[in-house]
Full PDB file with SEQRES, HELIX, SHEET, SSBOND, CRYST1, ORIGX, SCALE, CONECT and MASTER records, all heavy atoms in Angstrom:
SEQRES   1 A   42  LEU ALA ALA PHE ALA GLY MET MET VAL ALA LEU GLN THR          
SEQRES   2 A   42  ILE PHE ASN ASN ARG THR ASP VAL HIS MET GLY SER TRP          
SEQRES   3 A   42  ALA THR THR THR TRP VAL LEU PHE MET GLY PHE VAL ALA          
SEQRES   4 A   42  SER LEU ALA                                                  
HELIX    1 AA1 ALA A    2  MET A   23  1                                  22    
HELIX    2 AA2 SER A   25  LEU A   41  1                                  17    
CRYST1    1.000    1.000    1.000  90.00  90.00  90.00 P 1           1          
ORIGX1      1.000000  0.000000  0.000000        0.00000                         
ORIGX2      0.000000  1.000000  0.000000        0.00000                         
ORIGX3      0.000000  0.000000  1.000000        0.00000                         
SCALE1      1.000000  0.000000  0.000000        0.00000                         
SCALE2      0.000000  1.000000  0.000000        0.00000                         
SCALE3      0.000000  0.000000  1.000000        0.00000                         
ATOM      1  N   LEU A   1     -14.460   9.952  -8.283  1.00  0.00           N  
ATOM      2  CA  LEU A   1     -13.359   8.988  -8.407  1.00  0.00           C  
ATOM      3  C   LEU A   1     -12.043   9.593  -7.914  1.00  0.00           C  
ATOM      4  O   LEU A   1     -11.270   8.924  -7.218  1.00  0.00           O  
ATOM      5  CB  LEU A   1     -13.220   8.518  -9.851  1.00  0.00           C  
ATOM      6  CG  LEU A   1     -14.316   7.582 -10.358  1.00  0.00           C  
ATOM      7  CD1 LEU A   1     -14.201   7.370 -11.864  1.00  0.00           C  
ATOM      8  CD2 LEU A   1     -14.290   6.254  -9.618  1.00  0.00           C  
ATOM      9  N   ALA A   2     -11.785  10.855  -8.268  1.00  0.00           N  
ATOM     10  CA  ALA A   2     -10.560  11.513  -7.809  1.00  0.00           C  
ATOM     11  C   ALA A   2     -10.561  11.664  -6.287  1.00  0.00           C  
ATOM     12  O   ALA A   2      -9.531  11.442  -5.638  1.00  0.00           O  
ATOM     13  CB  ALA A   2     -10.410  12.872  -8.492  1.00  0.00           C  
ATOM     14  N   ALA A   3     -11.697  12.029  -5.706  1.00  0.00           N  
ATOM     15  CA  ALA A   3     -11.787  12.158  -4.246  1.00  0.00           C  
ATOM     16  C   ALA A   3     -11.588  10.797  -3.578  1.00  0.00           C  
ATOM     17  O   ALA A   3     -10.897  10.688  -2.562  1.00  0.00           O  
ATOM     18  CB  ALA A   3     -13.130  12.758  -3.846  1.00  0.00           C  
ATOM     19  N   PHE A   4     -12.158   9.763  -4.169  1.00  0.00           N  
ATOM     20  CA  PHE A   4     -11.991   8.411  -3.633  1.00  0.00           C  
ATOM     21  C   PHE A   4     -10.532   7.978  -3.720  1.00  0.00           C  
ATOM     22  O   PHE A   4      -9.996   7.366  -2.789  1.00  0.00           O  
ATOM     23  CB  PHE A   4     -12.908   7.433  -4.377  1.00  0.00           C  
ATOM     24  CG  PHE A   4     -12.953   6.069  -3.772  1.00  0.00           C  
ATOM     25  CD1 PHE A   4     -13.535   5.861  -2.531  1.00  0.00           C  
ATOM     26  CD2 PHE A   4     -12.413   4.981  -4.442  1.00  0.00           C  
ATOM     27  CE1 PHE A   4     -13.574   4.592  -1.962  1.00  0.00           C  
ATOM     28  CE2 PHE A   4     -12.441   3.713  -3.892  1.00  0.00           C  
ATOM     29  CZ  PHE A   4     -13.025   3.520  -2.646  1.00  0.00           C  
ATOM     30  N   ALA A   5      -9.871   8.317  -4.823  1.00  0.00           N  
ATOM     31  CA  ALA A   5      -8.447   7.998  -4.962  1.00  0.00           C  
ATOM     32  C   ALA A   5      -7.632   8.702  -3.885  1.00  0.00           C  
ATOM     33  O   ALA A   5      -6.722   8.109  -3.306  1.00  0.00           O  
ATOM     34  CB  ALA A   5      -7.948   8.392  -6.357  1.00  0.00           C  
ATOM     35  N   GLY A   6      -7.951   9.955  -3.615  1.00  0.00           N  
ATOM     36  CA  GLY A   6      -7.258  10.685  -2.549  1.00  0.00           C  
ATOM     37  C   GLY A   6      -7.449  10.028  -1.195  1.00  0.00           C  
ATOM     38  O   GLY A   6      -6.500   9.906  -0.409  1.00  0.00           O  
ATOM     39  N   MET A   7      -8.660   9.565  -0.932  1.00  0.00           N  
ATOM     40  CA  MET A   7      -8.930   8.874   0.325  1.00  0.00           C  
ATOM     41  C   MET A   7      -8.126   7.577   0.393  1.00  0.00           C  
ATOM     42  O   MET A   7      -7.549   7.241   1.421  1.00  0.00           O  
ATOM     43  CB  MET A   7     -10.428   8.584   0.441  1.00  0.00           C  
ATOM     44  CG  MET A   7     -10.868   7.950   1.753  1.00  0.00           C  
ATOM     45  SD  MET A   7     -10.842   6.147   1.848  1.00  0.00           S  
ATOM     46  CE  MET A   7     -11.831   5.635   0.483  1.00  0.00           C  
ATOM     47  N   MET A   8      -8.063   6.864  -0.740  1.00  0.00           N  
ATOM     48  CA  MET A   8      -7.314   5.601  -0.751  1.00  0.00           C  
ATOM     49  C   MET A   8      -5.817   5.837  -0.587  1.00  0.00           C  
ATOM     50  O   MET A   8      -5.137   5.040   0.063  1.00  0.00           O  
ATOM     51  CB  MET A   8      -7.603   4.818  -2.031  1.00  0.00           C  
ATOM     52  CG  MET A   8      -9.008   4.228  -2.048  1.00  0.00           C  
ATOM     53  SD  MET A   8      -9.287   3.044  -3.388  1.00  0.00           S  
ATOM     54  CE  MET A   8      -9.092   4.065  -4.831  1.00  0.00           C  
ATOM     55  N   VAL A   9      -5.285   6.927  -1.145  1.00  0.00           N  
ATOM     56  CA  VAL A   9      -3.863   7.241  -0.959  1.00  0.00           C  
ATOM     57  C   VAL A   9      -3.585   7.479   0.524  1.00  0.00           C  
ATOM     58  O   VAL A   9      -2.609   6.962   1.076  1.00  0.00           O  
ATOM     59  CB  VAL A   9      -3.440   8.462  -1.810  1.00  0.00           C  
ATOM     60  CG1 VAL A   9      -2.078   8.980  -1.384  1.00  0.00           C  
ATOM     61  CG2 VAL A   9      -3.430   8.108  -3.291  1.00  0.00           C  
ATOM     62  N   ALA A  10      -4.445   8.244   1.174  1.00  0.00           N  
ATOM     63  CA  ALA A  10      -4.254   8.498   2.604  1.00  0.00           C  
ATOM     64  C   ALA A  10      -4.357   7.201   3.407  1.00  0.00           C  
ATOM     65  O   ALA A  10      -3.554   6.951   4.315  1.00  0.00           O  
ATOM     66  CB  ALA A  10      -5.284   9.516   3.096  1.00  0.00           C  
ATOM     67  N   LEU A  11      -5.321   6.366   3.067  1.00  0.00           N  
ATOM     68  CA  LEU A  11      -5.495   5.093   3.760  1.00  0.00           C  
ATOM     69  C   LEU A  11      -4.302   4.168   3.517  1.00  0.00           C  
ATOM     70  O   LEU A  11      -3.775   3.560   4.445  1.00  0.00           O  
ATOM     71  CB  LEU A  11      -6.792   4.432   3.286  1.00  0.00           C  
ATOM     72  CG  LEU A  11      -7.267   3.204   4.029  1.00  0.00           C  
ATOM     73  CD1 LEU A  11      -7.509   3.520   5.499  1.00  0.00           C  
ATOM     74  CD2 LEU A  11      -8.551   2.684   3.387  1.00  0.00           C  
ATOM     75  N   GLN A  12      -3.836   4.094   2.267  1.00  0.00           N  
ATOM     76  CA  GLN A  12      -2.691   3.253   1.953  1.00  0.00           C  
ATOM     77  C   GLN A  12      -1.450   3.746   2.692  1.00  0.00           C  
ATOM     78  O   GLN A  12      -0.642   2.945   3.159  1.00  0.00           O  
ATOM     79  CB  GLN A  12      -2.422   3.215   0.449  1.00  0.00           C  
ATOM     80  CG  GLN A  12      -1.251   2.300   0.115  1.00  0.00           C  
ATOM     81  CD  GLN A  12      -0.813   2.379  -1.323  1.00  0.00           C  
ATOM     82  OE1 GLN A  12      -1.010   3.382  -1.994  1.00  0.00           O  
ATOM     83  NE2 GLN A  12      -0.191   1.317  -1.799  1.00  0.00           N  
ATOM     84  N   THR A  13      -1.308   5.048   2.805  1.00  0.00           N  
ATOM     85  CA  THR A  13      -0.170   5.622   3.509  1.00  0.00           C  
ATOM     86  C   THR A  13      -0.148   5.163   4.961  1.00  0.00           C  
ATOM     87  O   THR A  13       0.902   4.802   5.489  1.00  0.00           O  
ATOM     88  CB  THR A  13      -0.219   7.160   3.404  1.00  0.00           C  
ATOM     89  OG1 THR A  13      -0.196   7.517   2.025  1.00  0.00           O  
ATOM     90  CG2 THR A  13       0.922   7.806   4.124  1.00  0.00           C  
ATOM     91  N   ILE A  14      -1.298   5.156   5.592  1.00  0.00           N  
ATOM     92  CA  ILE A  14      -1.384   4.698   6.984  1.00  0.00           C  
ATOM     93  C   ILE A  14      -1.059   3.205   7.075  1.00  0.00           C  
ATOM     94  O   ILE A  14      -0.279   2.782   7.932  1.00  0.00           O  
ATOM     95  CB  ILE A  14      -2.782   4.998   7.559  1.00  0.00           C  
ATOM     96  CG1 ILE A  14      -2.984   6.511   7.665  1.00  0.00           C  
ATOM     97  CG2 ILE A  14      -2.969   4.320   8.913  1.00  0.00           C  
ATOM     98  CD1 ILE A  14      -4.415   6.928   7.903  1.00  0.00           C  
ATOM     99  N   PHE A  15      -1.634   2.405   6.173  1.00  0.00           N  
ATOM    100  CA  PHE A  15      -1.354   0.972   6.173  1.00  0.00           C  
ATOM    101  C   PHE A  15       0.128   0.711   5.931  1.00  0.00           C  
ATOM    102  O   PHE A  15       0.733  -0.138   6.596  1.00  0.00           O  
ATOM    103  CB  PHE A  15      -2.183   0.267   5.106  1.00  0.00           C  
ATOM    104  CG  PHE A  15      -3.618   0.004   5.482  1.00  0.00           C  
ATOM    105  CD1 PHE A  15      -4.304   0.826   6.356  1.00  0.00           C  
ATOM    106  CD2 PHE A  15      -4.286  -1.066   4.937  1.00  0.00           C  
ATOM    107  CE1 PHE A  15      -5.624   0.589   6.693  1.00  0.00           C  
ATOM    108  CE2 PHE A  15      -5.611  -1.321   5.263  1.00  0.00           C  
ATOM    109  CZ  PHE A  15      -6.279  -0.495   6.142  1.00  0.00           C  
ATOM    110  N   ASN A  16       0.712   1.425   4.962  1.00  0.00           N  
ATOM    111  CA  ASN A  16       2.133   1.253   4.669  1.00  0.00           C  
ATOM    112  C   ASN A  16       2.984   1.590   5.889  1.00  0.00           C  
ATOM    113  O   ASN A  16       3.968   0.905   6.183  1.00  0.00           O  
ATOM    114  CB  ASN A  16       2.563   2.119   3.490  1.00  0.00           C  
ATOM    115  CG  ASN A  16       1.978   1.663   2.175  1.00  0.00           C  
ATOM    116  OD1 ASN A  16       1.333   0.635   2.090  1.00  0.00           O  
ATOM    117  ND2 ASN A  16       2.197   2.455   1.143  1.00  0.00           N  
ATOM    118  N   ASN A  17       2.613   2.636   6.591  1.00  0.00           N  
ATOM    119  CA  ASN A  17       3.353   3.042   7.784  1.00  0.00           C  
ATOM    120  C   ASN A  17       3.298   1.962   8.853  1.00  0.00           C  
ATOM    121  O   ASN A  17       4.308   1.638   9.473  1.00  0.00           O  
ATOM    122  CB  ASN A  17       2.810   4.367   8.306  1.00  0.00           C  
ATOM    123  CG  ASN A  17       3.526   4.828   9.550  1.00  0.00           C  
ATOM    124  OD1 ASN A  17       3.003   4.693  10.655  1.00  0.00           O  
ATOM    125  ND2 ASN A  17       4.719   5.359   9.391  1.00  0.00           N  
ATOM    126  N   ARG A  18       2.131   1.391   9.063  1.00  0.00           N  
ATOM    127  CA  ARG A  18       1.990   0.335  10.071  1.00  0.00           C  
ATOM    128  C   ARG A  18       2.766  -0.911   9.646  1.00  0.00           C  
ATOM    129  O   ARG A  18       3.363  -1.590  10.477  1.00  0.00           O  
ATOM    130  CB  ARG A  18       0.520  -0.022  10.298  1.00  0.00           C  
ATOM    131  CG  ARG A  18      -0.341   1.117  10.849  1.00  0.00           C  
ATOM    132  CD  ARG A  18      -0.030   1.508  12.289  1.00  0.00           C  
ATOM    133  NE  ARG A  18       1.174   2.346  12.342  1.00  0.00           N  
ATOM    134  CZ  ARG A  18       1.994   2.451  13.362  1.00  0.00           C  
ATOM    135  NH1 ARG A  18       1.788   1.806  14.458  1.00  0.00           N  
ATOM    136  NH2 ARG A  18       3.061   3.219  13.327  1.00  0.00           N  
ATOM    137  N   THR A  19       2.759  -1.231   8.358  1.00  0.00           N  
ATOM    138  CA  THR A  19       3.515  -2.377   7.857  1.00  0.00           C  
ATOM    139  C   THR A  19       5.005  -2.136   8.025  1.00  0.00           C  
ATOM    140  O   THR A  19       5.760  -3.029   8.417  1.00  0.00           O  
ATOM    141  CB  THR A  19       3.180  -2.643   6.377  1.00  0.00           C  
ATOM    142  OG1 THR A  19       1.761  -2.813   6.254  1.00  0.00           O  
ATOM    143  CG2 THR A  19       3.866  -3.882   5.860  1.00  0.00           C  
ATOM    144  N   ASP A  20       5.440  -0.905   7.745  1.00  0.00           N  
ATOM    145  CA  ASP A  20       6.852  -0.540   7.853  1.00  0.00           C  
ATOM    146  C   ASP A  20       7.379  -0.746   9.266  1.00  0.00           C  
ATOM    147  O   ASP A  20       8.518  -1.169   9.454  1.00  0.00           O  
ATOM    148  CB  ASP A  20       7.038   0.917   7.412  1.00  0.00           C  
ATOM    149  CG  ASP A  20       8.483   1.364   7.527  1.00  0.00           C  
ATOM    150  OD1 ASP A  20       9.354   0.732   6.885  1.00  0.00           O  
ATOM    151  OD2 ASP A  20       8.735   2.334   8.263  1.00  0.00           O  
ATOM    152  N   VAL A  21       6.556  -0.481  10.256  1.00  0.00           N  
ATOM    153  CA  VAL A  21       6.969  -0.664  11.647  1.00  0.00           C  
ATOM    154  C   VAL A  21       7.354  -2.122  11.907  1.00  0.00           C  
ATOM    155  O   VAL A  21       8.293  -2.403  12.640  1.00  0.00           O  
ATOM    156  CB  VAL A  21       5.835  -0.218  12.606  1.00  0.00           C  
ATOM    157  CG1 VAL A  21       6.098  -0.656  14.038  1.00  0.00           C  
ATOM    158  CG2 VAL A  21       5.633   1.288  12.531  1.00  0.00           C  
ATOM    159  N   HIS A  22       6.660  -3.052  11.267  1.00  0.00           N  
ATOM    160  CA  HIS A  22       6.891  -4.474  11.504  1.00  0.00           C  
ATOM    161  C   HIS A  22       7.880  -5.118  10.540  1.00  0.00           C  
ATOM    162  O   HIS A  22       8.501  -6.118  10.897  1.00  0.00           O  
ATOM    163  CB  HIS A  22       5.566  -5.237  11.434  1.00  0.00           C  
ATOM    164  CG  HIS A  22       4.594  -4.805  12.482  1.00  0.00           C  
ATOM    165  ND1 HIS A  22       4.699  -5.170  13.800  1.00  0.00           N  
ATOM    166  CD2 HIS A  22       3.514  -3.990  12.416  1.00  0.00           C  
ATOM    167  CE1 HIS A  22       3.735  -4.625  14.497  1.00  0.00           C  
ATOM    168  NE2 HIS A  22       2.995  -3.903  13.679  1.00  0.00           N  
ATOM    169  N   MET A  23       8.021  -4.554   9.315  1.00  0.00           N  
ATOM    170  CA  MET A  23       8.798  -5.236   8.287  1.00  0.00           C  
ATOM    171  C   MET A  23      10.020  -4.466   7.805  1.00  0.00           C  
ATOM    172  O   MET A  23      10.929  -5.073   7.254  1.00  0.00           O  
ATOM    173  CB  MET A  23       7.922  -5.520   7.060  1.00  0.00           C  
ATOM    174  CG  MET A  23       6.759  -6.446   7.307  1.00  0.00           C  
ATOM    175  SD  MET A  23       5.755  -6.657   5.818  1.00  0.00           S  
ATOM    176  CE  MET A  23       6.822  -7.699   4.844  1.00  0.00           C  
ATOM    177  N   GLY A  24      10.025  -3.154   7.917  1.00  0.00           N  
ATOM    178  CA  GLY A  24      11.071  -2.336   7.324  1.00  0.00           C  
ATOM    179  C   GLY A  24      10.590  -1.740   6.002  1.00  0.00           C  
ATOM    180  O   GLY A  24       9.649  -2.237   5.383  1.00  0.00           O  
ATOM    181  N   SER A  25      11.267  -0.702   5.561  1.00  0.00           N  
ATOM    182  CA  SER A  25      10.800   0.077   4.414  1.00  0.00           C  
ATOM    183  C   SER A  25      10.830  -0.698   3.098  1.00  0.00           C  
ATOM    184  O   SER A  25       9.871  -0.656   2.319  1.00  0.00           O  
ATOM    185  CB  SER A  25      11.639   1.347   4.282  1.00  0.00           C  
ATOM    186  OG  SER A  25      11.523   2.128   5.443  1.00  0.00           O  
ATOM    187  N   TRP A  26      11.920  -1.398   2.824  1.00  0.00           N  
ATOM    188  CA  TRP A  26      12.011  -2.102   1.541  1.00  0.00           C  
ATOM    189  C   TRP A  26      11.104  -3.320   1.519  1.00  0.00           C  
ATOM    190  O   TRP A  26      10.501  -3.630   0.485  1.00  0.00           O  
ATOM    191  CB  TRP A  26      13.457  -2.464   1.212  1.00  0.00           C  
ATOM    192  CG  TRP A  26      14.195  -1.257   0.727  1.00  0.00           C  
ATOM    193  CD1 TRP A  26      15.139  -0.548   1.402  1.00  0.00           C  
ATOM    194  CD2 TRP A  26      14.002  -0.578  -0.524  1.00  0.00           C  
ATOM    195  NE1 TRP A  26      15.546   0.531   0.645  1.00  0.00           N  
ATOM    196  CE2 TRP A  26      14.870   0.524  -0.550  1.00  0.00           C  
ATOM    197  CE3 TRP A  26      13.183  -0.801  -1.627  1.00  0.00           C  
ATOM    198  CZ2 TRP A  26      14.939   1.403  -1.621  1.00  0.00           C  
ATOM    199  CZ3 TRP A  26      13.264   0.078  -2.699  1.00  0.00           C  
ATOM    200  CH2 TRP A  26      14.136   1.160  -2.686  1.00  0.00           C  
ATOM    201  N   ALA A  27      10.980  -4.021   2.621  1.00  0.00           N  
ATOM    202  CA  ALA A  27      10.060  -5.158   2.675  1.00  0.00           C  
ATOM    203  C   ALA A  27       8.620  -4.673   2.510  1.00  0.00           C  
ATOM    204  O   ALA A  27       7.818  -5.314   1.826  1.00  0.00           O  
ATOM    205  CB  ALA A  27      10.229  -5.925   3.986  1.00  0.00           C  
ATOM    206  N   THR A  28       8.296  -3.545   3.119  1.00  0.00           N  
ATOM    207  CA  THR A  28       6.963  -2.962   2.960  1.00  0.00           C  
ATOM    208  C   THR A  28       6.705  -2.625   1.501  1.00  0.00           C  
ATOM    209  O   THR A  28       5.641  -2.943   0.961  1.00  0.00           O  
ATOM    210  CB  THR A  28       6.821  -1.691   3.824  1.00  0.00           C  
ATOM    211  OG1 THR A  28       6.917  -2.064   5.202  1.00  0.00           O  
ATOM    212  CG2 THR A  28       5.503  -0.987   3.575  1.00  0.00           C  
ATOM    213  N   THR A  29       7.669  -1.981   0.852  1.00  0.00           N  
ATOM    214  CA  THR A  29       7.513  -1.623  -0.557  1.00  0.00           C  
ATOM    215  C   THR A  29       7.312  -2.875  -1.403  1.00  0.00           C  
ATOM    216  O   THR A  29       6.427  -2.914  -2.267  1.00  0.00           O  
ATOM    217  CB  THR A  29       8.744  -0.830  -1.035  1.00  0.00           C  
ATOM    218  OG1 THR A  29       8.869   0.344  -0.234  1.00  0.00           O  
ATOM    219  CG2 THR A  29       8.622  -0.449  -2.494  1.00  0.00           C  
ATOM    220  N   THR A  30       8.094  -3.908  -1.153  1.00  0.00           N  
ATOM    221  CA  THR A  30       7.962  -5.158  -1.896  1.00  0.00           C  
ATOM    222  C   THR A  30       6.583  -5.764  -1.690  1.00  0.00           C  
ATOM    223  O   THR A  30       5.904  -6.151  -2.646  1.00  0.00           O  
ATOM    224  CB  THR A  30       9.049  -6.157  -1.447  1.00  0.00           C  
ATOM    225  OG1 THR A  30      10.327  -5.567  -1.651  1.00  0.00           O  
ATOM    226  CG2 THR A  30       8.947  -7.464  -2.198  1.00  0.00           C  
ATOM    227  N   TRP A  31       6.148  -5.841  -0.449  1.00  0.00           N  
ATOM    228  CA  TRP A  31       4.859  -6.448  -0.130  1.00  0.00           C  
ATOM    229  C   TRP A  31       3.711  -5.652  -0.739  1.00  0.00           C  
ATOM    230  O   TRP A  31       2.792  -6.221  -1.347  1.00  0.00           O  
ATOM    231  CB  TRP A  31       4.701  -6.569   1.381  1.00  0.00           C  
ATOM    232  CG  TRP A  31       3.466  -7.284   1.780  1.00  0.00           C  
ATOM    233  CD1 TRP A  31       2.395  -6.750   2.418  1.00  0.00           C  
ATOM    234  CD2 TRP A  31       3.157  -8.659   1.564  1.00  0.00           C  
ATOM    235  NE1 TRP A  31       1.437  -7.702   2.610  1.00  0.00           N  
ATOM    236  CE2 TRP A  31       1.880  -8.897   2.090  1.00  0.00           C  
ATOM    237  CE3 TRP A  31       3.832  -9.706   0.965  1.00  0.00           C  
ATOM    238  CZ2 TRP A  31       1.262 -10.140   2.046  1.00  0.00           C  
ATOM    239  CZ3 TRP A  31       3.213 -10.955   0.919  1.00  0.00           C  
ATOM    240  CH2 TRP A  31       1.952 -11.152   1.459  1.00  0.00           C  
ATOM    241  N   VAL A  32       3.743  -4.340  -0.593  1.00  0.00           N  
ATOM    242  CA  VAL A  32       2.676  -3.476  -1.112  1.00  0.00           C  
ATOM    243  C   VAL A  32       2.565  -3.623  -2.631  1.00  0.00           C  
ATOM    244  O   VAL A  32       1.470  -3.798  -3.181  1.00  0.00           O  
ATOM    245  CB  VAL A  32       2.937  -2.003  -0.732  1.00  0.00           C  
ATOM    246  CG1 VAL A  32       2.093  -1.039  -1.550  1.00  0.00           C  
ATOM    247  CG2 VAL A  32       2.692  -1.797   0.756  1.00  0.00           C  
ATOM    248  N   LEU A  33       3.693  -3.569  -3.321  1.00  0.00           N  
ATOM    249  CA  LEU A  33       3.655  -3.658  -4.779  1.00  0.00           C  
ATOM    250  C   LEU A  33       3.307  -5.069  -5.257  1.00  0.00           C  
ATOM    251  O   LEU A  33       2.637  -5.235  -6.274  1.00  0.00           O  
ATOM    252  CB  LEU A  33       4.969  -3.161  -5.380  1.00  0.00           C  
ATOM    253  CG  LEU A  33       5.198  -1.656  -5.173  1.00  0.00           C  
ATOM    254  CD1 LEU A  33       6.574  -1.254  -5.678  1.00  0.00           C  
ATOM    255  CD2 LEU A  33       4.111  -0.830  -5.827  1.00  0.00           C  
ATOM    256  N   PHE A  34       3.722  -6.089  -4.517  1.00  0.00           N  
ATOM    257  CA  PHE A  34       3.346  -7.461  -4.876  1.00  0.00           C  
ATOM    258  C   PHE A  34       1.831  -7.650  -4.743  1.00  0.00           C  
ATOM    259  O   PHE A  34       1.185  -8.202  -5.628  1.00  0.00           O  
ATOM    260  CB  PHE A  34       4.095  -8.481  -4.009  1.00  0.00           C  
ATOM    261  CG  PHE A  34       3.628  -9.888  -4.236  1.00  0.00           C  
ATOM    262  CD1 PHE A  34       3.957 -10.557  -5.414  1.00  0.00           C  
ATOM    263  CD2 PHE A  34       2.855 -10.532  -3.290  1.00  0.00           C  
ATOM    264  CE1 PHE A  34       3.507 -11.866  -5.639  1.00  0.00           C  
ATOM    265  CE2 PHE A  34       2.403 -11.825  -3.506  1.00  0.00           C  
ATOM    266  CZ  PHE A  34       2.726 -12.495  -4.678  1.00  0.00           C  
ATOM    267  N   MET A  35       1.284  -7.189  -3.627  1.00  0.00           N  
ATOM    268  CA  MET A  35      -0.168  -7.307  -3.425  1.00  0.00           C  
ATOM    269  C   MET A  35      -0.920  -6.503  -4.487  1.00  0.00           C  
ATOM    270  O   MET A  35      -1.957  -6.942  -4.986  1.00  0.00           O  
ATOM    271  CB  MET A  35      -0.556  -6.840  -2.017  1.00  0.00           C  
ATOM    272  CG  MET A  35      -0.033  -7.746  -0.908  1.00  0.00           C  
ATOM    273  SD  MET A  35      -0.641  -9.438  -1.027  1.00  0.00           S  
ATOM    274  CE  MET A  35      -2.367  -9.202  -0.714  1.00  0.00           C  
ATOM    275  N   GLY A  36      -0.395  -5.333  -4.826  1.00  0.00           N  
ATOM    276  CA  GLY A  36      -0.997  -4.534  -5.890  1.00  0.00           C  
ATOM    277  C   GLY A  36      -0.938  -5.251  -7.232  1.00  0.00           C  
ATOM    278  O   GLY A  36      -1.894  -5.222  -8.017  1.00  0.00           O  
ATOM    279  N   PHE A  37       0.178  -5.922  -7.498  1.00  0.00           N  
ATOM    280  CA  PHE A  37       0.320  -6.695  -8.732  1.00  0.00           C  
ATOM    281  C   PHE A  37      -0.725  -7.807  -8.791  1.00  0.00           C  
ATOM    282  O   PHE A  37      -1.407  -7.982  -9.797  1.00  0.00           O  
ATOM    283  CB  PHE A  37       1.731  -7.284  -8.840  1.00  0.00           C  
ATOM    284  CG  PHE A  37       1.864  -8.307  -9.933  1.00  0.00           C  
ATOM    285  CD1 PHE A  37       1.937  -7.914 -11.264  1.00  0.00           C  
ATOM    286  CD2 PHE A  37       1.899  -9.658  -9.629  1.00  0.00           C  
ATOM    287  CE1 PHE A  37       2.037  -8.863 -12.276  1.00  0.00           C  
ATOM    288  CE2 PHE A  37       2.006 -10.608 -10.636  1.00  0.00           C  
ATOM    289  CZ  PHE A  37       2.074 -10.210 -11.963  1.00  0.00           C  
ATOM    290  N   VAL A  38      -0.844  -8.569  -7.718  1.00  0.00           N  
ATOM    291  CA  VAL A  38      -1.797  -9.687  -7.692  1.00  0.00           C  
ATOM    292  C   VAL A  38      -3.226  -9.170  -7.892  1.00  0.00           C  
ATOM    293  O   VAL A  38      -3.989  -9.712  -8.714  1.00  0.00           O  
ATOM    294  CB  VAL A  38      -1.667 -10.485  -6.377  1.00  0.00           C  
ATOM    295  CG1 VAL A  38      -2.803 -11.488  -6.217  1.00  0.00           C  
ATOM    296  CG2 VAL A  38      -0.317 -11.184  -6.307  1.00  0.00           C  
ATOM    297  N   ALA A  39      -3.587  -8.110  -7.165  1.00  0.00           N  
ATOM    298  CA  ALA A  39      -4.947  -7.574  -7.261  1.00  0.00           C  
ATOM    299  C   ALA A  39      -5.219  -6.993  -8.653  1.00  0.00           C  
ATOM    300  O   ALA A  39      -6.279  -7.238  -9.241  1.00  0.00           O  
ATOM    301  CB  ALA A  39      -5.166  -6.504  -6.190  1.00  0.00           C  
ATOM    302  N   SER A  40      -4.270  -6.226  -9.188  1.00  0.00           N  
ATOM    303  CA  SER A  40      -4.503  -5.620 -10.496  1.00  0.00           C  
ATOM    304  C   SER A  40      -4.492  -6.659 -11.613  1.00  0.00           C  
ATOM    305  O   SER A  40      -5.259  -6.542 -12.579  1.00  0.00           O  
ATOM    306  CB  SER A  40      -3.504  -4.497 -10.768  1.00  0.00           C  
ATOM    307  OG  SER A  40      -2.191  -4.991 -10.796  1.00  0.00           O  
ATOM    308  N   LEU A  41      -3.657  -7.684 -11.500  1.00  0.00           N  
ATOM    309  CA  LEU A  41      -3.666  -8.748 -12.498  1.00  0.00           C  
ATOM    310  C   LEU A  41      -5.008  -9.471 -12.499  1.00  0.00           C  
ATOM    311  O   LEU A  41      -5.597  -9.712 -13.560  1.00  0.00           O  
ATOM    312  CB  LEU A  41      -2.525  -9.742 -12.255  1.00  0.00           C  
ATOM    313  CG  LEU A  41      -2.453 -10.914 -13.231  1.00  0.00           C  
ATOM    314  CD1 LEU A  41      -2.195 -10.428 -14.664  1.00  0.00           C  
ATOM    315  CD2 LEU A  41      -1.364 -11.888 -12.796  1.00  0.00           C  
ATOM    316  N   ALA A  42      -5.504  -9.793 -11.320  1.00  0.00           N  
ATOM    317  CA  ALA A  42      -6.804 -10.472 -11.232  1.00  0.00           C  
ATOM    318  C   ALA A  42      -7.915  -9.606 -11.829  1.00  0.00           C  
ATOM    319  O   ALA A  42      -8.722 -10.092 -12.639  1.00  0.00           O  
ATOM    320  CB  ALA A  42      -7.118 -10.823  -9.770  1.00  0.00           C  
TER     321      ALA A  42                                                      
MASTER        0    0    0    2    0    0    0    6  320    1    0    4          
END                                                                             
């Protein structure tokens, strides 16, 4: 589980970087945390 979490952190970092290129840093942070909220709530 810890190794999988590390892989997901690296993957999320890449996704966040690609999102940041299109949206900007604060919009990326908002979007990432909103999507995380929706997924974790469900």
